[in-house]
Amino acid sequence: MATYSFENVIAWQKAHVFAVMTYKTTSHFPEYERYGLCSQFQRAASSISANIAEGYKKLSKADKLRFLNIAQGSLEECRNYILLARDLEYINGQEFIQLHDTLEEASKFLNAYCKGIINNNGIKEEH
């Protein structure tokens, strides 16, 4: 019998990759941003995967979707921080593209996961 966990959810996997990338990238931001943009960006990035994980175990569709919607909000917050970091010249063009593209991929999978739950296709039965 297969064991399912949030780690099997592709949206979580993509969000986790983005969070790791965010932590690595923000470690090179100016020291004075440690408690500013770094902290906010890291918190929002880790919130995406954390809310996918938390929503995974919720029993009702409404509860699952509520946590996934919070993840979507954190994802959009990160989209803003990527633009801000670029405009403040904390990241170069290549880092911007990597962060942007990784976030966009996570967004597509998160949206698909939400649609699957809405259509009763995104819930695996655990045995």
N, C-alpha and C. Protein backbone atom coordinates (compact mmCIF):
# COMPACT_ATOMS: atom_id res chain seq x y z
N MET A 1 0.83 -1.19 0.00
CA MET A 1 0.00 0.00 0.00
C MET A 1 0.87 1.24 0.00
N ALA A 2 0.47 2.20 -0.77
CA ALA A 2 1.22 3.44 -0.87
C ALA A 2 0.92 4.32 0.34
N THR A 3 1.94 4.97 0.83
CA THR A 3 1.78 5.94 1.90
C THR A 3 1.88 7.32 1.30
N TYR A 4 0.90 8.14 1.57
CA TYR A 4 0.89 9.49 1.03
C TYR A 4 1.16 10.49 2.14
N SER A 5 1.88 11.52 1.79
CA SER A 5 2.11 12.64 2.69
C SER A 5 2.18 13.90 1.83
N PHE A 6 2.26 15.02 2.48
CA PHE A 6 2.36 16.27 1.73
C PHE A 6 3.58 16.28 0.83
N GLU A 7 4.60 15.51 1.18
CA GLU A 7 5.82 15.46 0.37
C GLU A 7 5.58 14.88 -1.02
N ASN A 8 4.48 14.16 -1.21
CA ASN A 8 4.12 13.61 -2.51
C ASN A 8 3.43 14.63 -3.40
N VAL A 9 3.02 15.74 -2.85
CA VAL A 9 2.30 16.76 -3.60
C VAL A 9 3.31 17.58 -4.40
N ILE A 10 3.16 17.57 -5.71
CA ILE A 10 4.13 18.27 -6.56
C ILE A 10 4.15 19.77 -6.24
N ALA A 11 3.01 20.35 -5.94
CA ALA A 11 2.98 21.77 -5.57
C ALA A 11 3.86 22.03 -4.36
N TRP A 12 3.83 21.12 -3.37
CA TRP A 12 4.68 21.28 -2.19
C TRP A 12 6.16 21.16 -2.60
N GLN A 13 6.48 20.19 -3.43
CA GLN A 13 7.86 19.99 -3.87
C GLN A 13 8.41 21.24 -4.55
N LYS A 14 7.62 21.82 -5.44
CA LYS A 14 8.05 23.03 -6.16
C LYS A 14 8.18 24.21 -5.21
N ALA A 15 7.26 24.34 -4.27
CA ALA A 15 7.32 25.42 -3.28
C ALA A 15 8.53 25.26 -2.37
N HIS A 16 8.86 24.02 -2.02
CA HIS A 16 10.02 23.76 -1.18
C HIS A 16 11.31 24.17 -1.89
N VAL A 17 11.41 23.82 -3.16
CA VAL A 17 12.59 24.21 -3.96
C VAL A 17 12.71 25.74 -3.97
N PHE A 18 11.58 26.42 -4.15
CA PHE A 18 11.60 27.88 -4.16
C PHE A 18 12.06 28.43 -2.81
N ALA A 19 11.57 27.86 -1.72
CA ALA A 19 11.96 28.34 -0.39
C ALA A 19 13.46 28.17 -0.16
N VAL A 20 14.00 27.03 -0.54
CA VAL A 20 15.45 26.79 -0.38
C VAL A 20 16.23 27.81 -1.22
N MET A 21 15.78 28.03 -2.44
CA MET A 21 16.43 29.00 -3.32
C MET A 21 16.37 30.40 -2.71
N THR A 22 15.25 30.74 -2.11
CA THR A 22 15.07 32.05 -1.49
C THR A 22 16.05 32.23 -0.33
N TYR A 23 16.15 31.23 0.53
CA TYR A 23 17.08 31.33 1.67
C TYR A 23 18.52 31.49 1.19
N LYS A 24 18.89 30.74 0.18
CA LYS A 24 20.26 30.84 -0.34
C LYS A 24 20.51 32.20 -0.96
N THR A 25 19.55 32.71 -1.70
CA THR A 25 19.71 34.00 -2.36
C THR A 25 19.74 35.14 -1.36
N THR A 26 18.85 35.12 -0.39
CA THR A 26 18.79 36.23 0.57
C THR A 26 19.98 36.23 1.53
N SER A 27 20.70 35.12 1.61
CA SER A 27 21.90 35.11 2.47
C SER A 27 22.98 36.06 1.94
N HIS A 28 22.83 36.51 0.71
CA HIS A 28 23.80 37.43 0.10
C HIS A 28 23.30 38.88 0.09
N PHE A 29 22.13 39.11 0.66
CA PHE A 29 21.59 40.47 0.72
C PHE A 29 22.43 41.28 1.73
N PRO A 30 22.36 42.58 1.66
CA PRO A 30 23.11 43.41 2.64
C PRO A 30 22.73 43.05 4.08
N GLU A 31 23.69 43.13 4.95
CA GLU A 31 23.48 42.79 6.36
C GLU A 31 22.34 43.61 6.98
N TYR A 32 22.21 44.86 6.58
CA TYR A 32 21.16 45.70 7.17
C TYR A 32 19.76 45.25 6.77
N GLU A 33 19.64 44.32 5.83
CA GLU A 33 18.33 43.78 5.43
C GLU A 33 17.97 42.50 6.19
N ARG A 34 18.84 42.07 7.10
CA ARG A 34 18.61 40.81 7.82
C ARG A 34 17.23 40.76 8.47
N TYR A 35 16.82 41.84 9.12
CA TYR A 35 15.54 41.86 9.81
C TYR A 35 14.47 42.60 9.00
N GLY A 36 14.81 42.96 7.79
CA GLY A 36 13.87 43.63 6.91
C GLY A 36 13.45 42.70 5.79
N LEU A 37 13.92 43.01 4.61
CA LEU A 37 13.50 42.26 3.43
C LEU A 37 13.87 40.77 3.51
N CYS A 38 15.04 40.44 4.02
CA CYS A 38 15.43 39.02 4.13
C CYS A 38 14.41 38.25 4.96
N SER A 39 14.12 38.75 6.11
CA SER A 39 13.20 38.08 7.02
C SER A 39 11.80 37.94 6.39
N GLN A 40 11.31 39.01 5.80
CA GLN A 40 9.98 38.97 5.20
C GLN A 40 9.93 38.01 4.02
N PHE A 41 10.94 38.05 3.17
CA PHE A 41 11.00 37.20 1.99
C PHE A 41 11.09 35.73 2.40
N GLN A 42 11.96 35.43 3.36
CA GLN A 42 12.11 34.05 3.84
C GLN A 42 10.83 33.54 4.49
N ARG A 43 10.20 34.37 5.27
CA ARG A 43 8.95 33.98 5.94
C ARG A 43 7.88 33.66 4.92
N ALA A 44 7.73 34.52 3.93
CA ALA A 44 6.70 34.30 2.91
C ALA A 44 7.02 33.06 2.07
N ALA A 45 8.29 32.87 1.72
CA ALA A 45 8.67 31.71 0.90
C ALA A 45 8.42 30.40 1.65
N SER A 46 8.77 30.35 2.91
CA SER A 46 8.56 29.13 3.68
C SER A 46 7.07 28.91 3.98
N SER A 47 6.30 29.98 4.00
CA SER A 47 4.87 29.89 4.25
C SER A 47 4.13 29.17 3.13
N ILE A 48 4.63 29.26 1.91
CA ILE A 48 3.95 28.61 0.78
C ILE A 48 3.90 27.11 1.02
N SER A 49 5.06 26.49 1.21
CA SER A 49 5.11 25.04 1.40
C SER A 49 4.49 24.62 2.73
N ALA A 50 4.66 25.46 3.76
CA ALA A 50 4.10 25.12 5.08
C ALA A 50 2.57 25.07 5.03
N ASN A 51 1.95 25.98 4.31
CA ASN A 51 0.49 25.98 4.23
C ASN A 51 -0.03 24.86 3.33
N ILE A 52 0.74 24.49 2.32
CA ILE A 52 0.36 23.32 1.52
C ILE A 52 0.40 22.08 2.41
N ALA A 53 1.45 21.96 3.21
CA ALA A 53 1.58 20.81 4.11
C ALA A 53 0.46 20.79 5.14
N GLU A 54 0.17 21.94 5.73
CA GLU A 54 -0.88 21.99 6.75
C GLU A 54 -2.24 21.67 6.15
N GLY A 55 -2.52 22.21 4.98
CA GLY A 55 -3.79 21.96 4.33
C GLY A 55 -3.96 20.52 3.90
N TYR A 56 -2.85 19.83 3.64
CA TYR A 56 -2.90 18.45 3.17
C TYR A 56 -3.69 17.55 4.12
N LYS A 57 -3.53 17.73 5.42
CA LYS A 57 -4.17 16.87 6.40
C LYS A 57 -5.56 17.33 6.83
N LYS A 58 -6.00 18.47 6.35
CA LYS A 58 -7.34 18.93 6.70
C LYS A 58 -8.36 18.01 6.05
N LEU A 59 -9.44 17.75 6.77
CA LEU A 59 -10.42 16.77 6.30
C LEU A 59 -11.43 17.34 5.31
N SER A 60 -11.80 18.57 5.48
CA SER A 60 -12.82 19.12 4.59
C SER A 60 -12.18 19.86 3.42
N LYS A 61 -12.89 19.86 2.33
CA LYS A 61 -12.44 20.57 1.13
C LYS A 61 -12.25 22.06 1.44
N ALA A 62 -13.19 22.63 2.19
CA ALA A 62 -13.12 24.06 2.52
C ALA A 62 -11.86 24.38 3.33
N ASP A 63 -11.54 23.52 4.30
CA ASP A 63 -10.32 23.74 5.10
C ASP A 63 -9.07 23.62 4.25
N LYS A 64 -9.03 22.59 3.40
CA LYS A 64 -7.88 22.42 2.51
C LYS A 64 -7.68 23.66 1.65
N LEU A 65 -8.77 24.11 1.04
CA LEU A 65 -8.68 25.25 0.14
C LEU A 65 -8.32 26.54 0.87
N ARG A 66 -8.74 26.67 2.12
CA ARG A 66 -8.38 27.86 2.90
C ARG A 66 -6.86 27.95 3.07
N PHE A 67 -6.23 26.83 3.42
CA PHE A 67 -4.78 26.83 3.58
C PHE A 67 -4.06 27.02 2.25
N LEU A 68 -4.60 26.44 1.20
CA LEU A 68 -3.99 26.61 -0.11
C LEU A 68 -4.12 28.05 -0.58
N ASN A 69 -5.22 28.70 -0.22
CA ASN A 69 -5.38 30.11 -0.57
C ASN A 69 -4.38 30.97 0.20
N ILE A 70 -4.10 30.62 1.43
CA ILE A 70 -3.06 31.33 2.19
C ILE A 70 -1.71 31.14 1.50
N ALA A 71 -1.45 29.92 1.03
CA ALA A 71 -0.20 29.66 0.29
C ALA A 71 -0.14 30.52 -0.96
N GLN A 72 -1.26 30.66 -1.66
CA GLN A 72 -1.29 31.50 -2.86
C GLN A 72 -0.98 32.96 -2.51
N GLY A 73 -1.49 33.42 -1.39
CA GLY A 73 -1.20 34.78 -0.96
C GLY A 73 0.27 34.98 -0.66
N SER A 74 0.88 34.01 0.02
CA SER A 74 2.31 34.08 0.31
C SER A 74 3.13 34.03 -0.98
N LEU A 75 2.66 33.26 -1.94
CA LEU A 75 3.34 33.18 -3.23
C LEU A 75 3.34 34.54 -3.92
N GLU A 76 2.21 35.22 -3.90
CA GLU A 76 2.14 36.55 -4.52
C GLU A 76 3.00 37.55 -3.76
N GLU A 77 3.07 37.40 -2.46
CA GLU A 77 3.96 38.25 -1.66
C GLU A 77 5.40 38.06 -2.12
N CYS A 78 5.79 36.81 -2.36
CA CYS A 78 7.15 36.53 -2.85
C CYS A 78 7.39 37.12 -4.23
N ARG A 79 6.37 37.09 -5.06
CA ARG A 79 6.49 37.69 -6.39
C ARG A 79 6.87 39.17 -6.25
N ASN A 80 6.25 39.86 -5.29
CA ASN A 80 6.57 41.25 -5.01
C ASN A 80 8.01 41.40 -4.52
N TYR A 81 8.44 40.52 -3.62
CA TYR A 81 9.80 40.62 -3.07
C TYR A 81 10.86 40.35 -4.13
N ILE A 82 10.57 39.49 -5.09
CA ILE A 82 11.52 39.25 -6.19
C ILE A 82 11.72 40.53 -6.99
N LEU A 83 10.62 41.19 -7.29
CA LEU A 83 10.70 42.46 -8.04
C LEU A 83 11.43 43.53 -7.23
N LEU A 84 11.13 43.60 -5.94
CA LEU A 84 11.78 44.58 -5.08
C LEU A 84 13.28 44.32 -4.99
N ALA A 85 13.66 43.05 -4.81
CA ALA A 85 15.08 42.71 -4.73
C ALA A 85 15.81 43.05 -6.03
N ARG A 86 15.14 42.82 -7.15
CA ARG A 86 15.74 43.18 -8.44
C ARG A 86 15.92 44.69 -8.54
N ASP A 87 14.88 45.43 -8.20
CA ASP A 87 14.93 46.88 -8.34
C ASP A 87 15.91 47.54 -7.37
N LEU A 88 16.13 46.90 -6.23
CA LEU A 88 17.13 47.40 -5.27
C LEU A 88 18.54 46.90 -5.61
N GLU A 89 18.62 46.09 -6.66
CA GLU A 89 19.89 45.52 -7.14
C GLU A 89 20.54 44.59 -6.12
N TYR A 90 19.69 43.88 -5.36
CA TYR A 90 20.18 42.85 -4.44
C TYR A 90 20.38 41.53 -5.17
N ILE A 91 19.71 41.37 -6.31
CA ILE A 91 19.89 40.18 -7.14
C ILE A 91 20.20 40.64 -8.56
N ASN A 92 20.93 39.78 -9.27
CA ASN A 92 21.26 40.10 -10.66
C ASN A 92 20.19 39.52 -11.58
N GLY A 93 20.35 39.74 -12.86
CA GLY A 93 19.36 39.28 -13.84
C GLY A 93 19.15 37.79 -13.83
N GLN A 94 20.24 37.03 -13.70
CA GLN A 94 20.13 35.57 -13.68
C GLN A 94 19.39 35.09 -12.43
N GLU A 95 19.70 35.66 -11.28
CA GLU A 95 19.00 35.29 -10.04
C GLU A 95 17.52 35.64 -10.14
N PHE A 96 17.23 36.80 -10.73
CA PHE A 96 15.84 37.20 -10.90
C PHE A 96 15.09 36.16 -11.73
N ILE A 97 15.67 35.76 -12.85
CA ILE A 97 15.01 34.79 -13.73
C ILE A 97 14.82 33.46 -13.02
N GLN A 98 15.84 33.01 -12.29
CA GLN A 98 15.73 31.73 -11.57
C GLN A 98 14.63 31.78 -10.53
N LEU A 99 14.60 32.83 -9.72
CA LEU A 99 13.57 32.96 -8.69
C LEU A 99 12.19 33.10 -9.34
N HIS A 100 12.09 33.95 -10.33
CA HIS A 100 10.81 34.18 -11.00
C HIS A 100 10.28 32.90 -11.63
N ASP A 101 11.12 32.20 -12.37
CA ASP A 101 10.67 30.99 -13.07
C ASP A 101 10.32 29.87 -12.09
N THR A 102 11.09 29.74 -11.02
CA THR A 102 10.80 28.71 -10.02
C THR A 102 9.49 29.02 -9.30
N LEU A 103 9.27 30.29 -8.99
CA LEU A 103 8.02 30.69 -8.35
C LEU A 103 6.84 30.48 -9.30
N GLU A 104 7.03 30.80 -10.56
CA GLU A 104 5.96 30.63 -11.54
C GLU A 104 5.57 29.15 -11.68
N GLU A 105 6.56 28.27 -11.66
CA GLU A 105 6.28 26.84 -11.73
C GLU A 105 5.52 26.38 -10.49
N ALA A 106 5.93 26.85 -9.32
CA ALA A 106 5.22 26.51 -8.08
C ALA A 106 3.79 27.02 -8.15
N SER A 107 3.60 28.21 -8.69
CA SER A 107 2.27 28.79 -8.80
C SER A 107 1.37 27.94 -9.68
N LYS A 108 1.87 27.50 -10.80
CA LYS A 108 1.07 26.67 -11.71
C LYS A 108 0.65 25.36 -11.05
N PHE A 109 1.56 24.73 -10.34
CA PHE A 109 1.22 23.47 -9.68
C PHE A 109 0.27 23.69 -8.51
N LEU A 110 0.44 24.79 -7.79
CA LEU A 110 -0.47 25.10 -6.68
C LEU A 110 -1.87 25.36 -7.21
N ASN A 111 -1.97 26.12 -8.28
CA ASN A 111 -3.29 26.38 -8.87
C ASN A 111 -3.93 25.09 -9.36
N ALA A 112 -3.15 24.21 -9.97
CA ALA A 112 -3.68 22.93 -10.45
C ALA A 112 -4.14 22.06 -9.27
N TYR A 113 -3.38 22.08 -8.19
CA TYR A 113 -3.75 21.32 -6.99
C TYR A 113 -5.08 21.83 -6.43
N CYS A 114 -5.23 23.14 -6.39
CA CYS A 114 -6.50 23.72 -5.92
C CYS A 114 -7.66 23.28 -6.81
N LYS A 115 -7.46 23.35 -8.11
CA LYS A 115 -8.52 22.93 -9.04
C LYS A 115 -8.84 21.45 -8.85
N GLY A 116 -7.82 20.64 -8.61
CA GLY A 116 -8.05 19.22 -8.38
C GLY A 116 -8.89 18.98 -7.14
N ILE A 117 -8.64 19.73 -6.10
CA ILE A 117 -9.42 19.59 -4.87
C ILE A 117 -10.85 20.07 -5.10
N ILE A 118 -10.99 21.17 -5.79
CA ILE A 118 -12.34 21.68 -6.09
C ILE A 118 -13.13 20.62 -6.87
N ASN A 119 -12.46 19.93 -7.77
CA ASN A 119 -13.12 18.91 -8.60
C ASN A 119 -13.05 17.51 -8.00
N ASN A 120 -12.65 17.42 -6.71
CA ASN A 120 -12.52 16.15 -6.00
C ASN A 120 -11.48 15.21 -6.60
N ASN A 121 -10.50 15.75 -7.30
CA ASN A 121 -9.44 14.92 -7.88
C ASN A 121 -8.12 15.06 -7.13
N GLY A 122 -8.03 15.98 -6.21
CA GLY A 122 -6.76 16.27 -5.56
C GLY A 122 -6.62 15.66 -4.18
N ILE A 123 -7.52 14.75 -3.82
CA ILE A 123 -7.48 14.17 -2.48
C ILE A 123 -7.19 12.68 -2.61
N LYS A 124 -6.06 12.26 -2.08
CA LYS A 124 -5.69 10.85 -2.09
C LYS A 124 -6.25 10.18 -0.85
N GLU A 125 -6.73 9.00 -1.02
CA GLU A 125 -7.21 8.21 0.12
C GLU A 125 -6.01 7.57 0.80
N GLU A 126 -5.93 7.71 2.09
CA GLU A 126 -4.86 7.09 2.84
C GLU A 126 -5.33 5.74 3.39
N HIS A 127 -4.45 4.78 3.38
CA HIS A 127 -4.77 3.43 3.88
C HIS A 127 -3.84 3.06 4.99
